Amino acid sequence: MANHASADKRHRQSERRRLHNKYYAKTTRNAIRALRNTSDKETAQSNAPKVYAMIDKLAKIGVIHKNKAANLKSGIAVYINKLS
């Protein structure tokens, strides 16, 4: 229970931001999962820039760390290069 109006407002804001971040993080995770389940190299290469943009946006707004974003993008690139 908030003791001040400002604490109550901060709670409302943080709840809204948590749900917003959760939505974008889950959407990006699903896109990464779909890309990694693709066995066709052409499809994976065409979808990669969209997924990279989603990952970059998460890092930019602070949902994930920039190093985690780099690691995810690197892993996707390695996966795509291994496809024949």
PDB file of N, CA and C in Angstrom:
ATOM      1  N   MET A   1       0.841  -1.180   0.000  1.00  0.00           N
ATOM      2  CA  MET A   1       0.000   0.000   0.000  1.00  0.00           C
ATOM      3  C   MET A   1       0.884   1.240   0.000  1.00  0.00           C
ATOM      4  N   ALA A   2       0.617   2.146  -0.926  1.00  0.00           N
ATOM      5  CA  ALA A   2       1.413   3.359  -1.046  1.00  0.00           C
ATOM      6  C   ALA A   2       1.026   4.358   0.044  1.00  0.00           C
ATOM      7  N   ASN A   3       2.054   4.968   0.629  1.00  0.00           N
ATOM      8  CA  ASN A   3       1.820   5.961   1.677  1.00  0.00           C
ATOM      9  C   ASN A   3       1.720   7.378   1.130  1.00  0.00           C
ATOM     10  N   HIS A   4       2.149   7.585  -0.111  1.00  0.00           N
ATOM     11  CA  HIS A   4       2.119   8.909  -0.720  1.00  0.00           C
ATOM     12  C   HIS A   4       1.524   8.800  -2.118  1.00  0.00           C
ATOM     13  N   ALA A   5       0.992   9.915  -2.585  1.00  0.00           N
ATOM     14  CA  ALA A   5       0.421   9.938  -3.933  1.00  0.00           C
ATOM     15  C   ALA A   5       1.494   9.659  -4.968  1.00  0.00           C
ATOM     16  N   SER A   6       2.696  10.171  -4.744  1.00  0.00           N
ATOM     17  CA  SER A   6       3.774   9.961  -5.716  1.00  0.00           C
ATOM     18  C   SER A   6       4.183   8.485  -5.779  1.00  0.00           C
ATOM     19  N   ALA A   7       4.136   7.804  -4.632  1.00  0.00           N
ATOM     20  CA  ALA A   7       4.454   6.375  -4.618  1.00  0.00           C
ATOM     21  C   ALA A   7       3.373   5.584  -5.345  1.00  0.00           C
ATOM     22  N   ASP A   8       2.139   6.015  -5.205  1.00  0.00           N
ATOM     23  CA  ASP A   8       1.033   5.357  -5.900  1.00  0.00           C
ATOM     24  C   ASP A   8       1.178   5.537  -7.412  1.00  0.00           C
ATOM     25  N   LYS A   9       1.532   6.752  -7.816  1.00  0.00           N
ATOM     26  CA  LYS A   9       1.736   7.028  -9.237  1.00  0.00           C
ATOM     27  C   LYS A   9       2.910   6.208  -9.781  1.00  0.00           C
ATOM     28  N   ARG A  10       3.981   6.142  -9.021  1.00  0.00           N
ATOM     29  CA  ARG A  10       5.153   5.372  -9.452  1.00  0.00           C
ATOM     30  C   ARG A  10       4.786   3.901  -9.636  1.00  0.00           C
ATOM     31  N   HIS A  11       3.948   3.382  -8.754  1.00  0.00           N
ATOM     32  CA  HIS A  11       3.505   1.996  -8.865  1.00  0.00           C
ATOM     33  C   HIS A  11       2.694   1.780 -10.139  1.00  0.00           C
ATOM     34  N   ARG A  12       1.791   2.722 -10.440  1.00  0.00           N
ATOM     35  CA  ARG A  12       0.993   2.611 -11.663  1.00  0.00           C
ATOM     36  C   ARG A  12       1.886   2.660 -12.901  1.00  0.00           C
ATOM     37  N   GLN A  13       2.845   3.566 -12.898  1.00  0.00           N
ATOM     38  CA  GLN A  13       3.748   3.702 -14.045  1.00  0.00           C
ATOM     39  C   GLN A  13       4.583   2.436 -14.246  1.00  0.00           C
ATOM     40  N   SER A  14       5.123   1.934 -13.152  1.00  0.00           N
ATOM     41  CA  SER A  14       5.986   0.764 -13.274  1.00  0.00           C
ATOM     42  C   SER A  14       5.196  -0.462 -13.730  1.00  0.00           C
ATOM     43  N   GLU A  15       3.955  -0.555 -13.322  1.00  0.00           N
ATOM     44  CA  GLU A  15       3.114  -1.671 -13.756  1.00  0.00           C
ATOM     45  C   GLU A  15       2.842  -1.588 -15.256  1.00  0.00           C
ATOM     46  N   ARG A  16       2.522  -0.378 -15.741  1.00  0.00           N
ATOM     47  CA  ARG A  16       2.305  -0.187 -17.176  1.00  0.00           C
ATOM     48  C   ARG A  16       3.564  -0.519 -17.965  1.00  0.00           C
ATOM     49  N   ARG A  17       4.701  -0.053 -17.491  1.00  0.00           N
ATOM     50  CA  ARG A  17       5.962  -0.302 -18.195  1.00  0.00           C
ATOM     51  C   ARG A  17       6.332  -1.780 -18.161  1.00  0.00           C
ATOM     52  N   ARG A  18       6.057  -2.440 -17.054  1.00  0.00           N
ATOM     53  CA  ARG A  18       6.358  -3.864 -16.942  1.00  0.00           C
ATOM     54  C   ARG A  18       5.566  -4.657 -17.979  1.00  0.00           C
ATOM     55  N   LEU A  19       4.276  -4.351 -18.118  1.00  0.00           N
ATOM     56  CA  LEU A  19       3.448  -5.052 -19.093  1.00  0.00           C
ATOM     57  C   LEU A  19       3.890  -4.741 -20.520  1.00  0.00           C
ATOM     58  N   HIS A  20       4.257  -3.494 -20.773  1.00  0.00           N
ATOM     59  CA  HIS A  20       4.740  -3.088 -22.095  1.00  0.00           C
ATOM     60  C   HIS A  20       6.021  -3.837 -22.437  1.00  0.00           C
ATOM     61  N   ASN A  21       6.980  -3.854 -21.505  1.00  0.00           N
ATOM     62  CA  ASN A  21       8.246  -4.544 -21.738  1.00  0.00           C
ATOM     63  C   ASN A  21       8.045  -6.045 -21.909  1.00  0.00           C
ATOM     64  N   LYS A  22       7.141  -6.610 -21.114  1.00  0.00           N
ATOM     65  CA  LYS A  22       6.861  -8.037 -21.177  1.00  0.00           C
ATOM     66  C   LYS A  22       6.304  -8.406 -22.548  1.00  0.00           C
ATOM     67  N   TYR A  23       5.412  -7.583 -23.089  1.00  0.00           N
ATOM     68  CA  TYR A  23       4.820  -7.843 -24.393  1.00  0.00           C
ATOM     69  C   TYR A  23       5.895  -7.847 -25.479  1.00  0.00           C
ATOM     70  N   TYR A  24       6.739  -6.818 -25.513  1.00  0.00           N
ATOM     71  CA  TYR A  24       7.748  -6.729 -26.562  1.00  0.00           C
ATOM     72  C   TYR A  24       8.812  -7.807 -26.408  1.00  0.00           C
ATOM     73  N   ALA A  25       9.178  -8.146 -25.191  1.00  0.00           N
ATOM     74  CA  ALA A  25      10.174  -9.195 -24.971  1.00  0.00           C
ATOM     75  C   ALA A  25       9.628 -10.546 -25.419  1.00  0.00           C
ATOM     76  N   LYS A  26       8.385 -10.835 -25.107  1.00  0.00           N
ATOM     77  CA  LYS A  26       7.778 -12.110 -25.486  1.00  0.00           C
ATOM     78  C   LYS A  26       7.624 -12.200 -27.004  1.00  0.00           C
ATOM     79  N   THR A  27       7.217 -11.109 -27.638  1.00  0.00           N
ATOM     80  CA  THR A  27       7.069 -11.089 -29.085  1.00  0.00           C
ATOM     81  C   THR A  27       8.408 -11.346 -29.767  1.00  0.00           C
ATOM     82  N   THR A  28       9.463 -10.738 -29.243  1.00  0.00           N
ATOM     83  CA  THR A  28      10.793 -10.929 -29.817  1.00  0.00           C
ATOM     84  C   THR A  28      11.273 -12.351 -29.601  1.00  0.00           C
ATOM     85  N   ARG A  29      11.040 -12.902 -28.415  1.00  0.00           N
ATOM     86  CA  ARG A  29      11.438 -14.292 -28.152  1.00  0.00           C
ATOM     87  C   ARG A  29      10.736 -15.247 -29.110  1.00  0.00           C
ATOM     88  N   ASN A  30       9.449 -15.004 -29.390  1.00  0.00           N
ATOM     89  CA  ASN A  30       8.720 -15.854 -30.317  1.00  0.00           C
ATOM     90  C   ASN A  30       9.283 -15.740 -31.733  1.00  0.00           C
ATOM     91  N   ALA A  31       9.679 -14.534 -32.126  1.00  0.00           N
ATOM     92  CA  ALA A  31      10.256 -14.337 -33.455  1.00  0.00           C
ATOM     93  C   ALA A  31      11.598 -15.056 -33.569  1.00  0.00           C
ATOM     94  N   ILE A  32      12.400 -14.991 -32.512  1.00  0.00           N
ATOM     95  CA  ILE A  32      13.693 -15.682 -32.505  1.00  0.00           C
ATOM     96  C   ILE A  32      13.473 -17.189 -32.575  1.00  0.00           C
ATOM     97  N   ARG A  33      12.524 -17.684 -31.813  1.00  0.00           N
ATOM     98  CA  ARG A  33      12.217 -19.110 -31.807  1.00  0.00           C
ATOM     99  C   ARG A  33      11.750 -19.567 -33.192  1.00  0.00           C
ATOM    100  N   ALA A  34      10.903 -18.771 -33.832  1.00  0.00           N
ATOM    101  CA  ALA A  34      10.419 -19.129 -35.168  1.00  0.00           C
ATOM    102  C   ALA A  34      11.561 -19.143 -36.170  1.00  0.00           C
ATOM    103  N   LEU A  35      12.471 -18.189 -36.043  1.00  0.00           N
ATOM    104  CA  LEU A  35      13.611 -18.134 -36.962  1.00  0.00           C
ATOM    105  C   LEU A  35      14.521 -19.335 -36.765  1.00  0.00           C
ATOM    106  N   ARG A  36      14.753 -19.712 -35.521  1.00  0.00           N
ATOM    107  CA  ARG A  36      15.636 -20.848 -35.254  1.00  0.00           C
ATOM    108  C   ARG A  36      14.996 -22.186 -35.611  1.00  0.00           C
ATOM    109  N   ASN A  37      13.675 -22.233 -35.720  1.00  0.00           N
ATOM    110  CA  ASN A  37      13.005 -23.460 -36.130  1.00  0.00           C
ATOM    111  C   ASN A  37      12.886 -23.576 -37.646  1.00  0.00           C
ATOM    112  N   THR A  38      13.317 -22.537 -38.355  1.00  0.00           N
ATOM    113  CA  THR A  38      13.272 -22.566 -39.809  1.00  0.00           C
ATOM    114  C   THR A  38      14.438 -23.377 -40.339  1.00  0.00           C
ATOM    115  N   SER A  39      14.151 -24.260 -41.270  1.00  0.00           N
ATOM    116  CA  SER A  39      15.222 -25.069 -41.859  1.00  0.00           C
ATOM    117  C   SER A  39      15.598 -24.580 -43.252  1.00  0.00           C
ATOM    118  N   ASP A  40      14.878 -23.592 -43.782  1.00  0.00           N
ATOM    119  CA  ASP A  40      15.159 -23.046 -45.105  1.00  0.00           C
ATOM    120  C   ASP A  40      16.031 -21.799 -44.963  1.00  0.00           C
ATOM    121  N   LYS A  41      17.178 -21.814 -45.609  1.00  0.00           N
ATOM    122  CA  LYS A  41      18.142 -20.717 -45.470  1.00  0.00           C
ATOM    123  C   LYS A  41      17.607 -19.407 -46.040  1.00  0.00           C
ATOM    124  N   GLU A  42      16.905 -19.483 -47.164  1.00  0.00           N
ATOM    125  CA  GLU A  42      16.378 -18.263 -47.805  1.00  0.00           C
ATOM    126  C   GLU A  42      15.359 -17.567 -46.897  1.00  0.00           C
ATOM    127  N   THR A  43      14.479 -18.342 -46.310  1.00  0.00           N
ATOM    128  CA  THR A  43      13.477 -17.780 -45.401  1.00  0.00           C
ATOM    129  C   THR A  43      14.140 -17.175 -44.174  1.00  0.00           C
ATOM    130  N   ALA A  44      15.121 -17.880 -43.634  1.00  0.00           N
ATOM    131  CA  ALA A  44      15.823 -17.384 -42.448  1.00  0.00           C
ATOM    132  C   ALA A  44      16.547 -16.083 -42.760  1.00  0.00           C
ATOM    133  N   GLN A  45      17.190 -16.004 -43.923  1.00  0.00           N
ATOM    134  CA  GLN A  45      17.911 -14.785 -44.290  1.00  0.00           C
ATOM    135  C   GLN A  45      16.959 -13.616 -44.520  1.00  0.00           C
ATOM    136  N   SER A  46      15.782 -13.886 -45.051  1.00  0.00           N
ATOM    137  CA  SER A  46      14.836 -12.797 -45.290  1.00  0.00           C
ATOM    138  C   SER A  46      14.185 -12.304 -43.994  1.00  0.00           C
ATOM    139  N   ASN A  47      14.039 -13.186 -43.011  1.00  0.00           N
ATOM    140  CA  ASN A  47      13.426 -12.790 -41.737  1.00  0.00           C
ATOM    141  C   ASN A  47      14.438 -12.216 -40.749  1.00  0.00           C
ATOM    142  N   ALA A  48      15.716 -12.463 -40.956  1.00  0.00           N
ATOM    143  CA  ALA A  48      16.741 -12.038 -39.999  1.00  0.00           C
ATOM    144  C   ALA A  48      16.757 -10.526 -39.751  1.00  0.00           C
ATOM    145  N   PRO A  49      16.687  -9.665 -40.770  1.00  0.00           N
ATOM    146  CA  PRO A  49      16.721  -8.222 -40.482  1.00  0.00           C
ATOM    147  C   PRO A  49      15.577  -7.751 -39.595  1.00  0.00           C
ATOM    148  N   LYS A  50      14.406  -8.352 -39.745  1.00  0.00           N
ATOM    149  CA  LYS A  50      13.264  -7.971 -38.903  1.00  0.00           C
ATOM    150  C   LYS A  50      13.530  -8.361 -37.448  1.00  0.00           C
ATOM    151  N   VAL A  51      14.077  -9.555 -37.258  1.00  0.00           N
ATOM    152  CA  VAL A  51      14.368 -10.022 -35.900  1.00  0.00           C
ATOM    153  C   VAL A  51      15.498  -9.191 -35.288  1.00  0.00           C
ATOM    154  N   TYR A  52      16.517  -8.873 -36.098  1.00  0.00           N
ATOM    155  CA  TYR A  52      17.608  -8.022 -35.617  1.00  0.00           C
ATOM    156  C   TYR A  52      17.071  -6.671 -35.163  1.00  0.00           C
ATOM    157  N   ALA A  53      16.139  -6.113 -35.920  1.00  0.00           N
ATOM    158  CA  ALA A  53      15.560  -4.816 -35.548  1.00  0.00           C
ATOM    159  C   ALA A  53      14.797  -4.912 -34.234  1.00  0.00           C
ATOM    160  N   MET A  54      14.085  -6.012 -34.038  1.00  0.00           N
ATOM    161  CA  MET A  54      13.342  -6.199 -32.789  1.00  0.00           C
ATOM    162  C   MET A  54      14.301  -6.290 -31.601  1.00  0.00           C
ATOM    163  N   ILE A  55      15.396  -7.030 -31.792  1.00  0.00           N
ATOM    164  CA  ILE A  55      16.383  -7.186 -30.724  1.00  0.00           C
ATOM    165  C   ILE A  55      17.042  -5.843 -30.415  1.00  0.00           C
ATOM    166  N   ASP A  56      17.390  -5.099 -31.468  1.00  0.00           N
ATOM    167  CA  ASP A  56      18.017  -3.789 -31.272  1.00  0.00           C
ATOM    168  C   ASP A  56      17.096  -2.835 -30.522  1.00  0.00           C
ATOM    169  N   LYS A  57      15.809  -2.895 -30.822  1.00  0.00           N
ATOM    170  CA  LYS A  57      14.864  -2.018 -30.142  1.00  0.00           C
ATOM    171  C   LYS A  57      14.772  -2.368 -28.652  1.00  0.00           C
ATOM    172  N   LEU A  58      14.770  -3.665 -28.337  1.00  0.00           N
ATOM    173  CA  LEU A  58      14.738  -4.062 -26.931  1.00  0.00           C
ATOM    174  C   LEU A  58      15.955  -3.537 -26.189  1.00  0.00           C
ATOM    175  N   ALA A  59      17.121  -3.597 -26.840  1.00  0.00           N
ATOM    176  CA  ALA A  59      18.335  -3.106 -26.201  1.00  0.00           C
ATOM    177  C   ALA A  59      18.285  -1.589 -26.056  1.00  0.00           C
ATOM    178  N   LYS A  60      17.740  -0.921 -27.066  1.00  0.00           N
ATOM    179  CA  LYS A  60      17.696   0.541 -27.050  1.00  0.00           C
ATOM    180  C   LYS A  60      16.808   1.071 -25.924  1.00  0.00           C
ATOM    181  N   ILE A  61      15.663   0.419 -25.707  1.00  0.00           N
ATOM    182  CA  ILE A  61      14.749   0.909 -24.675  1.00  0.00           C
ATOM    183  C   ILE A  61      15.055   0.321 -23.305  1.00  0.00           C
ATOM    184  N   GLY A  62      16.075  -0.546 -23.228  1.00  0.00           N
ATOM    185  CA  GLY A  62      16.527  -1.014 -21.927  1.00  0.00           C
ATOM    186  C   GLY A  62      15.859  -2.261 -21.403  1.00  0.00           C
ATOM    187  N   VAL A  63      15.146  -2.989 -22.253  1.00  0.00           N
ATOM    188  CA  VAL A  63      14.510  -4.218 -21.791  1.00  0.00           C
ATOM    189  C   VAL A  63      15.564  -5.304 -21.613  1.00  0.00           C
ATOM    190  N   ILE A  64      16.510  -5.362 -22.553  1.00  0.00           N
ATOM    191  CA  ILE A  64      17.625  -6.290 -22.422  1.00  0.00           C
ATOM    192  C   ILE A  64      18.923  -5.497 -22.532  1.00  0.00           C
ATOM    193  N   HIS A  65      20.005  -6.082 -22.065  1.00  0.00           N
ATOM    194  CA  HIS A  65      21.315  -5.429 -22.103  1.00  0.00           C
ATOM    195  C   HIS A  65      21.871  -5.475 -23.519  1.00  0.00           C
ATOM    196  N   LYS A  66      22.689  -4.497 -23.860  1.00  0.00           N
ATOM    197  CA  LYS A  66      23.222  -4.436 -25.226  1.00  0.00           C
ATOM    198  C   LYS A  66      24.106  -5.631 -25.548  1.00  0.00           C
ATOM    199  N   ASN A  67      24.795  -6.184 -24.553  1.00  0.00           N
ATOM    200  CA  ASN A  67      25.629  -7.366 -24.807  1.00  0.00           C
ATOM    201  C   ASN A  67      24.771  -8.599 -25.062  1.00  0.00           C
ATOM    202  N   LYS A  68      23.646  -8.700 -24.377  1.00  0.00           N
ATOM    203  CA  LYS A  68      22.731  -9.813 -24.632  1.00  0.00           C
ATOM    204  C   LYS A  68      22.176  -9.709 -26.045  1.00  0.00           C
ATOM    205  N   ALA A  69      21.871  -8.488 -26.471  1.00  0.00           N
ATOM    206  CA  ALA A  69      21.383  -8.288 -27.834  1.00  0.00           C
ATOM    207  C   ALA A  69      22.432  -8.725 -28.846  1.00  0.00           C
ATOM    208  N   ALA A  70      23.673  -8.367 -28.588  1.00  0.00           N
ATOM    209  CA  ALA A  70      24.752  -8.747 -29.497  1.00  0.00           C
ATOM    210  C   ALA A  70      24.913 -10.266 -29.536  1.00  0.00           C
ATOM    211  N   ASN A  71      24.809 -10.912 -28.378  1.00  0.00           N
ATOM    212  CA  ASN A  71      24.934 -12.363 -28.319  1.00  0.00           C
ATOM    213  C   ASN A  71      23.786 -13.057 -29.065  1.00  0.00           C
ATOM    214  N   LEU A  72      22.577 -12.540 -28.931  1.00  0.00           N
ATOM    215  CA  LEU A  72      21.439 -13.122 -29.632  1.00  0.00           C
ATOM    216  C   LEU A  72      21.612 -12.992 -31.141  1.00  0.00           C
ATOM    217  N   LYS A  73      22.012 -11.804 -31.591  1.00  0.00           N
ATOM    218  CA  LYS A  73      22.202 -11.576 -33.018  1.00  0.00           C
ATOM    219  C   LYS A  73      23.322 -12.454 -33.567  1.00  0.00           C
ATOM    220  N   SER A  74      24.379 -12.625 -32.800  1.00  0.00           N
ATOM    221  CA  SER A  74      25.488 -13.471 -33.217  1.00  0.00           C
ATOM    222  C   SER A  74      25.036 -14.915 -33.339  1.00  0.00           C
ATOM    223  N   GLY A  75      24.264 -15.386 -32.385  1.00  0.00           N
ATOM    224  CA  GLY A  75      23.765 -16.752 -32.424  1.00  0.00           C
ATOM    225  C   GLY A  75      22.858 -17.000 -33.620  1.00  0.00           C
ATOM    226  N   ILE A  76      22.051 -16.015 -33.954  1.00  0.00           N
ATOM    227  CA  ILE A  76      21.183 -16.145 -35.119  1.00  0.00           C
ATOM    228  C   ILE A  76      22.021 -16.219 -36.393  1.00  0.00           C
ATOM    229  N   ALA A  77      23.051 -15.373 -36.482  1.00  0.00           N
ATOM    230  CA  ALA A  77      23.921 -15.374 -37.656  1.00  0.00           C
ATOM    231  C   ALA A  77      24.640 -16.707 -37.806  1.00  0.00           C
ATOM    232  N   VAL A  78      25.110 -17.261 -36.702  1.00  0.00           N
ATOM    233  CA  VAL A  78      25.780 -18.559 -36.738  1.00  0.00           C
ATOM    234  C   VAL A  78      24.807 -19.634 -37.218  1.00  0.00           C
ATOM    235  N   TYR A  79      23.570 -19.596 -36.716  1.00  0.00           N
ATOM    236  CA  TYR A  79      22.567 -20.572 -37.126  1.00  0.00           C
ATOM    237  C   TYR A  79      22.283 -20.479 -38.619  1.00  0.00           C
ATOM    238  N   ILE A  80      22.126 -19.255 -39.116  1.00  0.00           N
ATOM    239  CA  ILE A  80      21.815 -19.075 -40.538  1.00  0.00           C
ATOM    240  C   ILE A  80      22.974 -19.548 -41.399  1.00  0.00           C
ATOM    241  N   ASN A  81      24.193 -19.281 -40.987  1.00  0.00           N
ATOM    242  CA  ASN A  81      25.361 -19.707 -41.769  1.00  0.00           C
ATOM    243  C   ASN A  81      25.518 -21.224 -41.806  1.00  0.00           C
ATOM    244  N   LYS A  82      25.033 -21.905 -40.764  1.00  0.00           N
ATOM    245  CA  LYS A  82      25.141 -23.365 -40.731  1.00  0.00           C
ATOM    246  C   LYS A  82      24.110 -24.046 -41.628  1.00  0.00           C
ATOM    247  N   LEU A  83      23.029 -23.338 -41.955  1.00  0.00           N
ATOM    248  CA  LEU A  83      22.010 -23.915 -42.825  1.00  0.00           C
ATOM    249  C   LEU A  83      22.593 -24.120 -44.218  1.00  0.00           C
ATOM    250  N   SER A  84      22.189 -25.211 -44.861  1.00  0.00           N
ATOM    251  CA  SER A  84      22.725 -25.483 -46.207  1.00  0.00           C
ATOM    252  C   SER A  84      21.725 -25.071 -47.276  1.00  0.00           C
TER     253      SER A  84
END
